[in-house]
């Protein structure tokens, strides 16, 4: 049965399940374009504000979120430094190719870039006429990258972001359904997921895209390639999680059991750890871990039930969780480490 989850006009439908309630209110607040010379406001509490995504820039941790906040940590999340960022818009995703070169995307179809590990950023692209955010970004190499977003947005660069081209016409997406996630799949190519279960894949670095028959008609919020060739996971509403070992030709639903029954919270983000483990997070404080390439998952529900929107690994085997309330340092299961260990 097809799920209907949009309860407001479609313009305001927010595709990130983990922070849907919070972000819906902020969409209107942040819709006004920031002036070209506006930078994110410095705040001692930035690490406790709403954060949407987290990643590594080498050994450095980088997080992004509300009001243009980008923070980085060189001591595994104990202390955080706020970066200089030329926007006050909500940022939705961050991607680093290595320890220096990274990109972030967000509202007003903004694309920001850093060449110093996330300490400073420049604005590479902005399109106020879209009145909608970009939601994810991925690079194949230092020159070639793609960004996806609301209303079927698909942008491509072949020069490291100096120029971005709208290539949405390459997709069979006549209704301009939201594109929520993009990932590189090992030895296979690029994969996109989005609204109403839409899936697209490219085996030629994004020149041609084929629509994939989806195992699910509800919204998919993200996709991640695993450590194995041709293998990926797609995840979304109400704990729906699917695994493919053949680049999307066939899908296996992954059953998720929480302590109190089936997992019903939306899944918002995923990461592949250095040891090959997969971790997913979502609404209601759900933290899922797989040590068999995504075939099975253990499920941990945090006692605080906070909405989680992003996750990255820590050097000590723990997890960096971000979302409602900002940064949370957790053990491998997802429970908080020593109280008070994270300081702004």
C-alpha atoms as a PDB file:
ATOM      1  CA  UNK A   1       0.000   0.000   0.000  1.00  0.00           C
ATOM      2  CA  UNK A   2       1.315   3.413  -0.940  1.00  0.00           C
ATOM      3  CA  UNK A   3       1.998   5.639   2.042  1.00  0.00           C
ATOM      4  CA  UNK A   4       0.797   9.214   2.122  1.00  0.00           C
ATOM      5  CA  UNK A   5       2.835  11.310   4.503  1.00  0.00           C
ATOM      6  CA  UNK A   6       2.495  14.858   3.200  1.00  0.00           C
ATOM      7  CA  UNK A   7       0.220  16.775   5.541  1.00  0.00           C
ATOM      8  CA  UNK A   8       1.065  20.276   4.319  1.00  0.00           C
ATOM      9  CA  UNK A   9       1.337  21.804   0.830  1.00  0.00           C
ATOM     10  CA  UNK A  10       4.013  19.920  -1.053  1.00  0.00           C
ATOM     11  CA  UNK A  11       6.362  22.901  -1.093  1.00  0.00           C
ATOM     12  CA  UNK A  12       6.847  22.451   2.650  1.00  0.00           C
ATOM     13  CA  UNK A  13       7.172  18.652   2.697  1.00  0.00           C
ATOM     14  CA  UNK A  14      10.500  17.897   4.395  1.00  0.00           C
ATOM     15  CA  UNK A  15      12.202  14.666   3.288  1.00  0.00           C
ATOM     16  CA  UNK A  16      14.425  14.101   6.313  1.00  0.00           C
ATOM     17  CA  UNK A  17      12.407  11.836   8.600  1.00  0.00           C
ATOM     18  CA  UNK A  18      14.618  12.258  11.614  1.00  0.00           C
ATOM     19  CA  UNK A  19      13.994  15.976  11.898  1.00  0.00           C
ATOM     20  CA  UNK A  20      10.736  16.390  10.023  1.00  0.00           C
ATOM     21  CA  UNK A  21       8.831  18.189  12.765  1.00  0.00           C
ATOM     22  CA  UNK A  22      11.710  20.492  13.614  1.00  0.00           C
ATOM     23  CA  UNK A  23      12.655  21.315  10.053  1.00  0.00           C
ATOM     24  CA  UNK A  24       9.149  22.031   8.819  1.00  0.00           C
ATOM     25  CA  UNK A  25       8.948  25.011  11.132  1.00  0.00           C
ATOM     26  CA  UNK A  26      12.352  26.261  10.089  1.00  0.00           C
ATOM     27  CA  UNK A  27      11.698  26.042   6.347  1.00  0.00           C
ATOM     28  CA  UNK A  28       9.588  29.181   6.465  1.00  0.00           C
ATOM     29  CA  UNK A  29      11.996  30.892   8.868  1.00  0.00           C
ATOM     30  CA  UNK A  30      14.982  30.319   6.604  1.00  0.00           C
ATOM     31  CA  UNK A  31      13.312  30.849   3.240  1.00  0.00           C
ATOM     32  CA  UNK A  32      14.523  34.434   2.989  1.00  0.00           C
ATOM     33  CA  UNK A  33      17.782  34.539   1.068  1.00  0.00           C
ATOM     34  CA  UNK A  34      20.826  35.623   3.028  1.00  0.00           C
ATOM     35  CA  UNK A  35      22.761  38.568   1.691  1.00  0.00           C
ATOM     36  CA  UNK A  36      25.878  37.729  -0.280  1.00  0.00           C
ATOM     37  CA  UNK A  37      28.154  38.971   2.501  1.00  0.00           C
ATOM     38  CA  UNK A  38      26.256  37.302   5.363  1.00  0.00           C
ATOM     39  CA  UNK A  39      28.133  34.720   7.375  1.00  0.00           C
ATOM     40  CA  UNK A  40      26.772  32.261   9.900  1.00  0.00           C
ATOM     41  CA  UNK A  41      26.470  33.773  13.362  1.00  0.00           C
ATOM     42  CA  UNK A  42      29.118  32.663  15.827  1.00  0.00           C
ATOM     43  CA  UNK A  43      27.598  30.941  18.843  1.00  0.00           C
ATOM     44  CA  UNK A  44      29.074  29.246  21.889  1.00  0.00           C
ATOM     45  CA  UNK A  45      26.118  26.847  21.707  1.00  0.00           C
ATOM     46  CA  UNK A  46      26.457  25.953  18.029  1.00  0.00           C
ATOM     47  CA  UNK A  47      27.378  22.343  18.907  1.00  0.00           C
ATOM     48  CA  UNK A  48      24.045  22.061  20.741  1.00  0.00           C
ATOM     49  CA  UNK A  49      21.917  23.445  17.898  1.00  0.00           C
ATOM     50  CA  UNK A  50      20.082  21.362  15.307  1.00  0.00           C
ATOM     51  CA  UNK A  51      22.665  19.488  13.228  1.00  0.00           C
ATOM     52  CA  UNK A  52      21.777  17.468  10.139  1.00  0.00           C
ATOM     53  CA  UNK A  53      24.884  15.628   8.927  1.00  0.00           C
ATOM     54  CA  UNK A  54      28.341  14.486  10.035  1.00  0.00           C
ATOM     55  CA  UNK A  55      31.411  13.141   8.274  1.00  0.00           C
ATOM     56  CA  UNK A  56      35.199  12.784   8.417  1.00  0.00           C
ATOM     57  CA  UNK A  57      37.809  15.002   6.766  1.00  0.00           C
ATOM     58  CA  UNK A  58      40.726  12.681   7.364  1.00  0.00           C
ATOM     59  CA  UNK A  59      40.908  12.375  11.160  1.00  0.00           C
ATOM     60  CA  UNK A  60      38.892  15.574  11.635  1.00  0.00           C
ATOM     61  CA  UNK A  61      35.151  15.434  12.327  1.00  0.00           C
ATOM     62  CA  UNK A  62      32.884  17.890  10.489  1.00  0.00           C
ATOM     63  CA  UNK A  63      29.183  18.553  11.160  1.00  0.00           C
ATOM     64  CA  UNK A  64      26.627  20.838   9.473  1.00  0.00           C
ATOM     65  CA  UNK A  65      23.174  22.119  10.318  1.00  0.00           C
ATOM     66  CA  UNK A  66      20.926  25.035  11.195  1.00  0.00           C
ATOM     67  CA  UNK A  67      21.724  28.693  10.381  1.00  0.00           C
ATOM     68  CA  UNK A  68      24.761  27.819   8.290  1.00  0.00           C
ATOM     69  CA  UNK A  69      26.555  26.202  11.212  1.00  0.00           C
ATOM     70  CA  UNK A  70      29.572  24.099  10.290  1.00  0.00           C
ATOM     71  CA  UNK A  71      31.782  22.873  13.112  1.00  0.00           C
ATOM     72  CA  UNK A  72      34.911  20.737  13.204  1.00  0.00           C
ATOM     73  CA  UNK A  73      36.719  18.786  15.897  1.00  0.00           C
ATOM     74  CA  UNK A  74      40.290  17.535  16.020  1.00  0.00           C
ATOM     75  CA  UNK A  75      39.926  15.699  19.343  1.00  0.00           C
ATOM     76  CA  UNK A  76      37.221  13.175  18.438  1.00  0.00           C
ATOM     77  CA  UNK A  77      34.298  15.409  19.312  1.00  0.00           C
ATOM     78  CA  UNK A  78      35.295  16.575  22.787  1.00  0.00           C
ATOM     79  CA  UNK A  79      35.686  20.203  21.679  1.00  0.00           C
ATOM     80  CA  UNK A  80      34.358  21.941  18.578  1.00  0.00           C
ATOM     81  CA  UNK A  81      35.429  24.959  16.538  1.00  0.00           C
ATOM     82  CA  UNK A  82      32.907  26.877  14.454  1.00  0.00           C
ATOM     83  CA  UNK A  83      33.974  27.382  10.844  1.00  0.00           C
ATOM     84  CA  UNK A  84      33.618  30.611   8.876  1.00  0.00           C
ATOM     85  CA  UNK A  85      30.676  29.949   6.546  1.00  0.00           C
ATOM     86  CA  UNK A  86      29.165  32.403   3.995  1.00  0.00           C
ATOM     87  CA  UNK A  87      25.506  31.563   4.662  1.00  0.00           C
ATOM     88  CA  UNK A  88      22.874  31.509   7.395  1.00  0.00           C
ATOM     89  CA  UNK A  89      20.699  28.953   5.638  1.00  0.00           C
ATOM     90  CA  UNK A  90      20.018  25.443   6.882  1.00  0.00           C
ATOM     91  CA  UNK A  91      22.687  23.025   5.603  1.00  0.00           C
ATOM     92  CA  UNK A  92      21.506  19.487   4.906  1.00  0.00           C
ATOM     93  CA  UNK A  93      24.534  17.381   3.931  1.00  0.00           C
ATOM     94  CA  UNK A  94      28.324  17.376   3.896  1.00  0.00           C
ATOM     95  CA  UNK A  95      30.832  15.273   1.920  1.00  0.00           C
ATOM     96  CA  UNK A  96      34.634  15.128   2.082  1.00  0.00           C
ATOM     97  CA  UNK A  97      36.732  13.477  -0.599  1.00  0.00           C
ATOM     98  CA  UNK A  98      39.868  13.536   1.571  1.00  0.00           C
ATOM     99  CA  UNK A  99      41.290  15.430   4.552  1.00  0.00           C
ATOM    100  CA  UNK A 100      41.173  18.788   2.734  1.00  0.00           C
ATOM    101  CA  UNK A 101      38.538  18.915   0.000  1.00  0.00           C
ATOM    102  CA  UNK A 102      34.871  18.954   0.950  1.00  0.00           C
ATOM    103  CA  UNK A 103      31.437  20.255  -0.031  1.00  0.00           C
ATOM    104  CA  UNK A 104      28.197  21.041   1.800  1.00  0.00           C
ATOM    105  CA  UNK A 105      24.688  21.688   0.457  1.00  0.00           C
ATOM    106  CA  UNK A 106      21.530  23.277   1.785  1.00  0.00           C
ATOM    107  CA  UNK A 107      18.673  25.714   1.321  1.00  0.00           C
ATOM    108  CA  UNK A 108      18.543  28.159  -1.595  1.00  0.00           C
ATOM    109  CA  UNK A 109      20.174  25.328  -3.569  1.00  0.00           C
ATOM    110  CA  UNK A 110      23.485  26.388  -2.071  1.00  0.00           C
ATOM    111  CA  UNK A 111      26.719  24.481  -2.566  1.00  0.00           C
ATOM    112  CA  UNK A 112      29.668  25.401  -0.352  1.00  0.00           C
ATOM    113  CA  UNK A 113      33.255  24.181  -0.718  1.00  0.00           C
ATOM    114  CA  UNK A 114      36.295  23.890   1.542  1.00  0.00           C
ATOM    115  CA  UNK A 115      39.935  23.189   0.712  1.00  0.00           C
ATOM    116  CA  UNK A 116      41.277  23.263   4.271  1.00  0.00           C
ATOM    117  CA  UNK A 117      39.429  20.432   5.989  1.00  0.00           C
ATOM    118  CA  UNK A 118      36.305  22.436   6.760  1.00  0.00           C
ATOM    119  CA  UNK A 119      37.861  25.401   8.594  1.00  0.00           C
ATOM    120  CA  UNK A 120      36.771  27.930   5.941  1.00  0.00           C
ATOM    121  CA  UNK A 121      34.203  27.770   3.145  1.00  0.00           C
ATOM    122  CA  UNK A 122      33.303  29.543  -0.082  1.00  0.00           C
ATOM    123  CA  UNK A 123      29.966  29.569  -1.890  1.00  0.00           C
ATOM    124  CA  UNK A 124      30.237  27.798  -5.255  1.00  0.00           C
ATOM    125  CA  UNK A 125      26.585  27.796  -6.292  1.00  0.00           C
ATOM    126  CA  UNK A 126      23.227  29.274  -5.327  1.00  0.00           C
ATOM    127  CA  UNK A 127      19.843  29.403  -7.067  1.00  0.00           C
ATOM    128  CA  UNK A 128      17.265  31.461  -5.184  1.00  0.00           C
ATOM    129  CA  UNK A 129      14.651  30.835  -7.881  1.00  0.00           C
ATOM    130  CA  UNK A 130      14.383  27.168  -6.881  1.00  0.00           C
ATOM    131  CA  UNK A 131      12.995  28.094  -3.440  1.00  0.00           C
ATOM    132  CA  UNK A 132      14.031  24.636  -2.251  1.00  0.00           C
ATOM    133  CA  UNK A 133      17.064  22.894  -0.785  1.00  0.00           C
ATOM    134  CA  UNK A 134      19.684  20.565  -2.121  1.00  0.00           C
ATOM    135  CA  UNK A 135      19.700  17.466   0.072  1.00  0.00           C
ATOM    136  CA  UNK A 136      22.792  15.393  -0.698  1.00  0.00           C
ATOM    137  CA  UNK A 137      26.105  15.520  -2.534  1.00  0.00           C
ATOM    138  CA  UNK A 138      28.754  13.022  -3.680  1.00  0.00           C
ATOM    139  CA  UNK A 139      31.990  13.225  -5.654  1.00  0.00           C
ATOM    140  CA  UNK A 140      33.602  10.529  -7.792  1.00  0.00           C
ATOM    141  CA  UNK A 141      36.957  12.330  -7.724  1.00  0.00           C
ATOM    142  CA  UNK A 142      38.301  15.817  -7.114  1.00  0.00           C
ATOM    143  CA  UNK A 143      36.676  17.165 -10.286  1.00  0.00           C
ATOM    144  CA  UNK A 144      33.482  15.208 -10.860  1.00  0.00           C
ATOM    145  CA  UNK A 145      30.532  15.492  -8.478  1.00  0.00           C
ATOM    146  CA  UNK A 146      26.734  15.523  -8.249  1.00  0.00           C
ATOM    147  CA  UNK A 147      24.202  17.196  -5.955  1.00  0.00           C
ATOM    148  CA  UNK A 148      20.541  16.205  -5.628  1.00  0.00           C
ATOM    149  CA  UNK A 149      17.564  17.879  -4.008  1.00  0.00           C
ATOM    150  CA  UNK A 150      13.931  18.880  -3.853  1.00  0.00           C
ATOM    151  CA  UNK A 151      11.744  18.955  -6.979  1.00  0.00           C
ATOM    152  CA  UNK A 152      14.014  16.616  -8.902  1.00  0.00           C
ATOM    153  CA  UNK A 153      17.155  18.745  -8.702  1.00  0.00           C
ATOM    154  CA  UNK A 154      20.268  17.121 -10.160  1.00  0.00           C
ATOM    155  CA  UNK A 155      23.405  19.224 -10.584  1.00  0.00           C
ATOM    156  CA  UNK A 156      26.771  18.125 -11.960  1.00  0.00           C
ATOM    157  CA  UNK A 157      30.273  19.577 -11.913  1.00  0.00           C
ATOM    158  CA  UNK A 158      33.294  18.367 -13.869  1.00  0.00           C
ATOM    159  CA  UNK A 159      35.729  21.020 -12.617  1.00  0.00           C
ATOM    160  CA  UNK A 160      35.663  20.611  -8.850  1.00  0.00           C
ATOM    161  CA  UNK A 161      32.644  22.866  -8.400  1.00  0.00           C
ATOM    162  CA  UNK A 162      33.805  25.965 -10.237  1.00  0.00           C
ATOM    163  CA  UNK A 163      30.774  25.450 -12.456  1.00  0.00           C
ATOM    164  CA  UNK A 164      27.591  23.491 -11.769  1.00  0.00           C
ATOM    165  CA  UNK A 165      25.218  22.395 -14.543  1.00  0.00           C
ATOM    166  CA  UNK A 166      21.553  21.407 -14.199  1.00  0.00           C
ATOM    167  CA  UNK A 167      21.277  17.888 -15.662  1.00  0.00           C
ATOM    168  CA  UNK A 168      17.861  16.890 -14.273  1.00  0.00           C
ATOM    169  CA  UNK A 169      16.693  16.109 -17.824  1.00  0.00           C
ATOM    170  CA  UNK A 170      18.831  12.959 -17.710  1.00  0.00           C
ATOM    171  CA  UNK A 171      16.372  11.402 -15.247  1.00  0.00           C
ATOM    172  CA  UNK A 172      12.956   9.936 -16.001  1.00  0.00           C
ATOM    173  CA  UNK A 173      11.285  12.075 -13.340  1.00  0.00           C
ATOM    174  CA  UNK A 174       8.505  14.051 -15.064  1.00  0.00           C
ATOM    175  CA  UNK A 175       6.741  14.926 -11.792  1.00  0.00           C
ATOM    176  CA  UNK A 176       9.948  16.395 -10.362  1.00  0.00           C
ATOM    177  CA  UNK A 177       9.742  14.210  -7.275  1.00  0.00           C
ATOM    178  CA  UNK A 178      12.270  15.000  -4.543  1.00  0.00           C
ATOM    179  CA  UNK A 179      15.668  13.331  -4.813  1.00  0.00           C
ATOM    180  CA  UNK A 180      16.813  12.729  -1.241  1.00  0.00           C
ATOM    181  CA  UNK A 181      20.076  10.791  -1.437  1.00  0.00           C
ATOM    182  CA  UNK A 182      22.954   9.905  -3.761  1.00  0.00           C
ATOM    183  CA  UNK A 183      25.799   7.437  -3.197  1.00  0.00           C
ATOM    184  CA  UNK A 184      28.732   5.829  -4.969  1.00  0.00           C
ATOM    185  CA  UNK A 185      28.390   2.026  -5.082  1.00  0.00           C
ATOM    186  CA  UNK A 186      31.631   0.054  -5.184  1.00  0.00           C
ATOM    187  CA  UNK A 187      32.544  -1.259  -8.651  1.00  0.00           C
ATOM    188  CA  UNK A 188      29.098  -0.315  -9.958  1.00  0.00           C
ATOM    189  CA  UNK A 189      28.352   3.393 -10.223  1.00  0.00           C
ATOM    190  CA  UNK A 190      26.035   6.058  -8.820  1.00  0.00           C
ATOM    191  CA  UNK A 191      22.640   5.477  -7.208  1.00  0.00           C
ATOM    192  CA  UNK A 192      19.884   7.985  -6.326  1.00  0.00           C
ATOM    193  CA  UNK A 193      16.781   7.485  -4.158  1.00  0.00           C
ATOM    194  CA  UNK A 194      13.879   9.764  -3.416  1.00  0.00           C
ATOM    195  CA  UNK A 195      10.220  10.514  -2.993  1.00  0.00           C
ATOM    196  CA  UNK A 196       7.604   7.779  -3.649  1.00  0.00           C
ATOM    197  CA  UNK A 197      10.353   5.156  -3.758  1.00  0.00           C
ATOM    198  CA  UNK A 198      11.985   6.557  -6.874  1.00  0.00           C
ATOM    199  CA  UNK A 199      15.360   5.020  -7.735  1.00  0.00           C
ATOM    200  CA  UNK A 200      17.860   5.838 -10.474  1.00  0.00           C
ATOM    201  CA  UNK A 201      21.289   4.400 -11.276  1.00  0.00           C
ATOM    202  CA  UNK A 202      24.187   5.206 -13.573  1.00  0.00           C
ATOM    203  CA  UNK A 203      27.002   2.889 -14.554  1.00  0.00           C
ATOM    204  CA  UNK A 204      28.853   5.479 -16.647  1.00  0.00           C
ATOM    205  CA  UNK A 205      29.655   8.213 -14.128  1.00  0.00           C
ATOM    206  CA  UNK A 206      26.327   9.981 -14.514  1.00  0.00           C
ATOM    207  CA  UNK A 207      26.167  10.425 -18.289  1.00  0.00           C
ATOM    208  CA  UNK A 208      23.107   8.179 -18.557  1.00  0.00           C
ATOM    209  CA  UNK A 209      20.641   7.277 -15.816  1.00  0.00           C
ATOM    210  CA  UNK A 210      18.185   4.382 -15.745  1.00  0.00           C
ATOM    211  CA  UNK A 211      15.085   4.209 -13.601  1.00  0.00           C
ATOM    212  CA  UNK A 212      15.131   1.231 -11.245  1.00  0.00           C
ATOM    213  CA  UNK A 213      12.074  -0.753 -10.193  1.00  0.00           C
ATOM    214  CA  UNK A 214      11.664   0.055  -6.518  1.00  0.00           C
ATOM    215  CA  UNK A 215      10.696  -2.405  -3.784  1.00  0.00           C
ATOM    216  CA  UNK A 216       8.837   0.356  -1.932  1.00  0.00           C
ATOM    217  CA  UNK A 217       6.367   3.112  -2.814  1.00  0.00           C
ATOM    218  CA  UNK A 218       6.999   5.320   0.217  1.00  0.00           C
ATOM    219  CA  UNK A 219       9.743   7.916   0.464  1.00  0.00           C
ATOM    220  CA  UNK A 220      13.333   6.750   0.658  1.00  0.00           C
ATOM    221  CA  UNK A 221      15.534   9.192   2.559  1.00  0.00           C
ATOM    222  CA  UNK A 222      18.979   7.829   1.776  1.00  0.00           C
ATOM    223  CA  UNK A 223      21.233   5.264   0.134  1.00  0.00           C
ATOM    224  CA  UNK A 224      24.690   3.930   0.957  1.00  0.00           C
ATOM    225  CA  UNK A 225      27.124   1.595  -0.735  1.00  0.00           C
ATOM    226  CA  UNK A 226      28.630  -1.134   1.436  1.00  0.00           C
ATOM    227  CA  UNK A 227      32.178  -2.540   1.487  1.00  0.00           C
ATOM    228  CA  UNK A 228      31.186  -5.235  -1.027  1.00  0.00           C
ATOM    229  CA  UNK A 229      31.028  -4.674  -4.810  1.00  0.00           C
ATOM    230  CA  UNK A 230      27.615  -3.836  -6.319  1.00  0.00           C
ATOM    231  CA  UNK A 231      26.012  -3.860  -2.853  1.00  0.00           C
ATOM    232  CA  UNK A 232      23.900  -1.056  -1.390  1.00  0.00           C
ATOM    233  CA  UNK A 233      21.215  -0.232   1.157  1.00  0.00           C
ATOM    234  CA  UNK A 234      18.224   2.078   0.648  1.00  0.00           C
ATOM    235  CA  UNK A 235      16.285   3.302   3.670  1.00  0.00           C
ATOM    236  CA  UNK A 236      13.356   5.520   4.537  1.00  0.00           C
ATOM    237  CA  UNK A 237       9.945   5.794   6.164  1.00  0.00           C
ATOM    238  CA  UNK A 238       8.826   3.658   9.103  1.00  0.00           C
ATOM    239  CA  UNK A 239      12.036   1.657   9.337  1.00  0.00           C
ATOM    240  CA  UNK A 240      11.853   0.450   5.744  1.00  0.00           C
ATOM    241  CA  UNK A 241      15.268  -0.872   4.758  1.00  0.00           C
ATOM    242  CA  UNK A 242      16.253  -2.763   1.612  1.00  0.00           C
ATOM    243  CA  UNK A 243      19.493  -4.403   0.455  1.00  0.00           C
ATOM    244  CA  UNK A 244      20.686  -5.192  -3.049  1.00  0.00           C
ATOM    245  CA  UNK A 245      23.805  -7.117  -4.086  1.00  0.00           C
ATOM    246  CA  UNK A 246      23.388  -6.487  -7.824  1.00  0.00           C
ATOM    247  CA  UNK A 247      23.216  -2.688  -8.087  1.00  0.00           C
ATOM    248  CA  UNK A 248      19.461  -2.566  -7.694  1.00  0.00           C
ATOM    249  CA  UNK A 249      18.262  -5.384  -9.956  1.00  0.00           C
ATOM    250  CA  UNK A 250      16.898  -7.273  -6.950  1.00  0.00           C
ATOM    251  CA  UNK A 251      16.089  -6.196  -3.402  1.00  0.00           C
ATOM    252  CA  UNK A 252      15.774  -7.931  -0.071  1.00  0.00           C
ATOM    253  CA  UNK A 253      13.770  -6.261   2.722  1.00  0.00           C
ATOM    254  CA  UNK A 254      15.723  -6.205   5.994  1.00  0.00           C
ATOM    255  CA  UNK A 255      13.623  -6.972   9.048  1.00  0.00           C
ATOM    256  CA  UNK A 256      14.342  -4.686  11.975  1.00  0.00           C
ATOM    257  CA  UNK A 257      13.294  -5.699  15.459  1.00  0.00           C
ATOM    258  CA  UNK A 258      13.526  -3.270  18.349  1.00  0.00           C
ATOM    259  CA  UNK A 259      13.127  -4.151  22.003  1.00  0.00           C
ATOM    260  CA  UNK A 260       9.457  -3.189  21.846  1.00  0.00           C
ATOM    261  CA  UNK A 261       8.563  -4.781  18.518  1.00  0.00           C
ATOM    262  CA  UNK A 262       9.028  -3.765  14.903  1.00  0.00           C
ATOM    263  CA  UNK A 263      10.979  -0.579  14.233  1.00  0.00           C
ATOM    264  CA  UNK A 264       8.546   2.090  13.033  1.00  0.00           C
ATOM    265  CA  UNK A 265      10.744   5.175  13.073  1.00  0.00           C
ATOM    266  CA  UNK A 266      12.010   6.734   9.854  1.00  0.00           C
ATOM    267  CA  UNK A 267      15.666   6.108   8.993  1.00  0.00           C
ATOM    268  CA  UNK A 268      17.518   9.291   8.106  1.00  0.00           C
ATOM    269  CA  UNK A 269      21.235   8.625   7.628  1.00  0.00           C
ATOM    270  CA  UNK A 270      23.906   5.930   7.366  1.00  0.00           C
ATOM    271  CA  UNK A 271      27.666   5.544   7.489  1.00  0.00           C
ATOM    272  CA  UNK A 272      30.201   2.881   6.569  1.00  0.00           C
ATOM    273  CA  UNK A 273      32.831   2.482   9.295  1.00  0.00           C
ATOM    274  CA  UNK A 274      36.489   1.658   8.708  1.00  0.00           C
ATOM    275  CA  UNK A 275      35.975  -1.943   9.822  1.00  0.00           C
ATOM    276  CA  UNK A 276      33.193  -2.453   7.259  1.00  0.00           C
ATOM    277  CA  UNK A 277      30.367  -2.140   9.776  1.00  0.00           C
ATOM    278  CA  UNK A 278      27.276  -0.171   8.786  1.00  0.00           C
ATOM    279  CA  UNK A 279      25.439   2.176  11.153  1.00  0.00           C
ATOM    280  CA  UNK A 280      22.045   3.765  10.484  1.00  0.00           C
ATOM    281  CA  UNK A 281      20.227   6.342  12.604  1.00  0.00           C
ATOM    282  CA  UNK A 282      16.748   7.789  12.636  1.00  0.00           C
ATOM    283  CA  UNK A 283      13.877   9.306  14.481  1.00  0.00           C
ATOM    284  CA  UNK A 284      13.099   8.243  18.034  1.00  0.00           C
ATOM    285  CA  UNK A 285      16.783   7.794  18.874  1.00  0.00           C
ATOM    286  CA  UNK A 286      17.167   4.648  16.792  1.00  0.00           C
ATOM    287  CA  UNK A 287      20.728   3.414  16.194  1.00  0.00           C
ATOM    288  CA  UNK A 288      21.193   0.334  13.980  1.00  0.00           C
ATOM    289  CA  UNK A 289      24.446  -1.561  13.437  1.00  0.00           C
ATOM    290  CA  UNK A 290      25.374  -4.347  11.033  1.00  0.00           C
ATOM    291  CA  UNK A 291      28.572  -6.369  11.032  1.00  0.00           C
ATOM    292  CA  UNK A 292      27.609  -8.640   8.129  1.00  0.00           C
ATOM    293  CA  UNK A 293      27.464  -6.106   5.292  1.00  0.00           C
ATOM    294  CA  UNK A 294      23.875  -5.120   5.963  1.00  0.00           C
ATOM    295  CA  UNK A 295      22.261  -8.559   6.028  1.00  0.00           C
ATOM    296  CA  UNK A 296      21.165  -8.189   9.656  1.00  0.00           C
ATOM    297  CA  UNK A 297      21.101  -5.324  12.149  1.00  0.00           C
ATOM    298  CA  UNK A 298      21.038  -4.904  15.886  1.00  0.00           C
ATOM    299  CA  UNK A 299      18.680  -2.129  16.986  1.00  0.00           C
ATOM    300  CA  UNK A 300      19.233   0.193  19.934  1.00  0.00           C
ATOM    301  CA  UNK A 301      16.695   2.842  20.951  1.00  0.00           C
ATOM    302  CA  UNK A 302      18.196   5.631  23.020  1.00  0.00           C
ATOM    303  CA  UNK A 303      16.355   6.438  26.232  1.00  0.00           C
ATOM    304  CA  UNK A 304      16.124  10.138  25.285  1.00  0.00           C
ATOM    305  CA  UNK A 305      14.323   9.290  21.992  1.00  0.00           C
ATOM    306  CA  UNK A 306      15.960  12.280  20.310  1.00  0.00           C
ATOM    307  CA  UNK A 307      15.631  12.697  16.547  1.00  0.00           C
ATOM    308  CA  UNK A 308      18.936  11.660  14.964  1.00  0.00           C
ATOM    309  CA  UNK A 309      19.841  12.944  11.499  1.00  0.00           C
ATOM    310  CA  UNK A 310      23.501  11.980  10.998  1.00  0.00           C
ATOM    311  CA  UNK A 311      26.217   9.616  12.193  1.00  0.00           C
ATOM    312  CA  UNK A 312      29.961   9.125  11.849  1.00  0.00           C
ATOM    313  CA  UNK A 313      32.524   6.866  13.501  1.00  0.00           C
ATOM    314  CA  UNK A 314      34.966   7.756  16.286  1.00  0.00           C
ATOM    315  CA  UNK A 315      38.533   6.521  16.622  1.00  0.00           C
ATOM    316  CA  UNK A 316      37.731   4.736  19.907  1.00  0.00           C
ATOM    317  CA  UNK A 317      35.050   2.615  18.252  1.00  0.00           C
ATOM    318  CA  UNK A 318      32.220   4.864  19.393  1.00  0.00           C
ATOM    319  CA  UNK A 319      29.830   6.956  17.360  1.00  0.00           C
ATOM    320  CA  UNK A 320      29.307  10.643  16.712  1.00  0.00           C
ATOM    321  CA  UNK A 321      25.558  11.243  16.507  1.00  0.00           C
ATOM    322  CA  UNK A 322      23.985  14.524  15.402  1.00  0.00           C
ATOM    323  CA  UNK A 323      20.426  15.798  15.255  1.00  0.00           C
ATOM    324  CA  UNK A 324      18.134  17.258  17.878  1.00  0.00           C
ATOM    325  CA  UNK A 325      20.271  18.835  20.590  1.00  0.00           C
ATOM    326  CA  UNK A 326      23.376  18.958  18.410  1.00  0.00           C
ATOM    327  CA  UNK A 327      26.368  16.689  18.985  1.00  0.00           C
ATOM    328  CA  UNK A 328      26.157  13.455  20.995  1.00  0.00           C
ATOM    329  CA  UNK A 329      29.137  11.201  21.684  1.00  0.00           C
ATOM    330  CA  UNK A 330      28.012   7.595  21.959  1.00  0.00           C
ATOM    331  CA  UNK A 331      29.476   4.151  22.459  1.00  0.00           C
ATOM    332  CA  UNK A 332      29.390   1.539  19.699  1.00  0.00           C
ATOM    333  CA  UNK A 333      25.796   0.648  20.555  1.00  0.00           C
ATOM    334  CA  UNK A 334      24.530   4.233  20.506  1.00  0.00           C
ATOM    335  CA  UNK A 335      24.240   5.035  24.220  1.00  0.00           C
ATOM    336  CA  UNK A 336      25.803   8.259  25.494  1.00  0.00           C
ATOM    337  CA  UNK A 337      29.398   8.218  26.630  1.00  0.00           C
ATOM    338  CA  UNK A 338      30.322   9.908  29.906  1.00  0.00           C
ATOM    339  CA  UNK A 339      27.906  12.758  30.618  1.00  0.00           C
ATOM    340  CA  UNK A 340      29.353  16.185  29.944  1.00  0.00           C
ATOM    341  CA  UNK A 341      32.094  14.861  27.689  1.00  0.00           C
ATOM    342  CA  UNK A 342      30.966  17.039  24.765  1.00  0.00           C
ATOM    343  CA  UNK A 343      31.631  20.734  25.255  1.00  0.00           C
ATOM    344  CA  UNK A 344      30.822  23.633  22.903  1.00  0.00           C
END
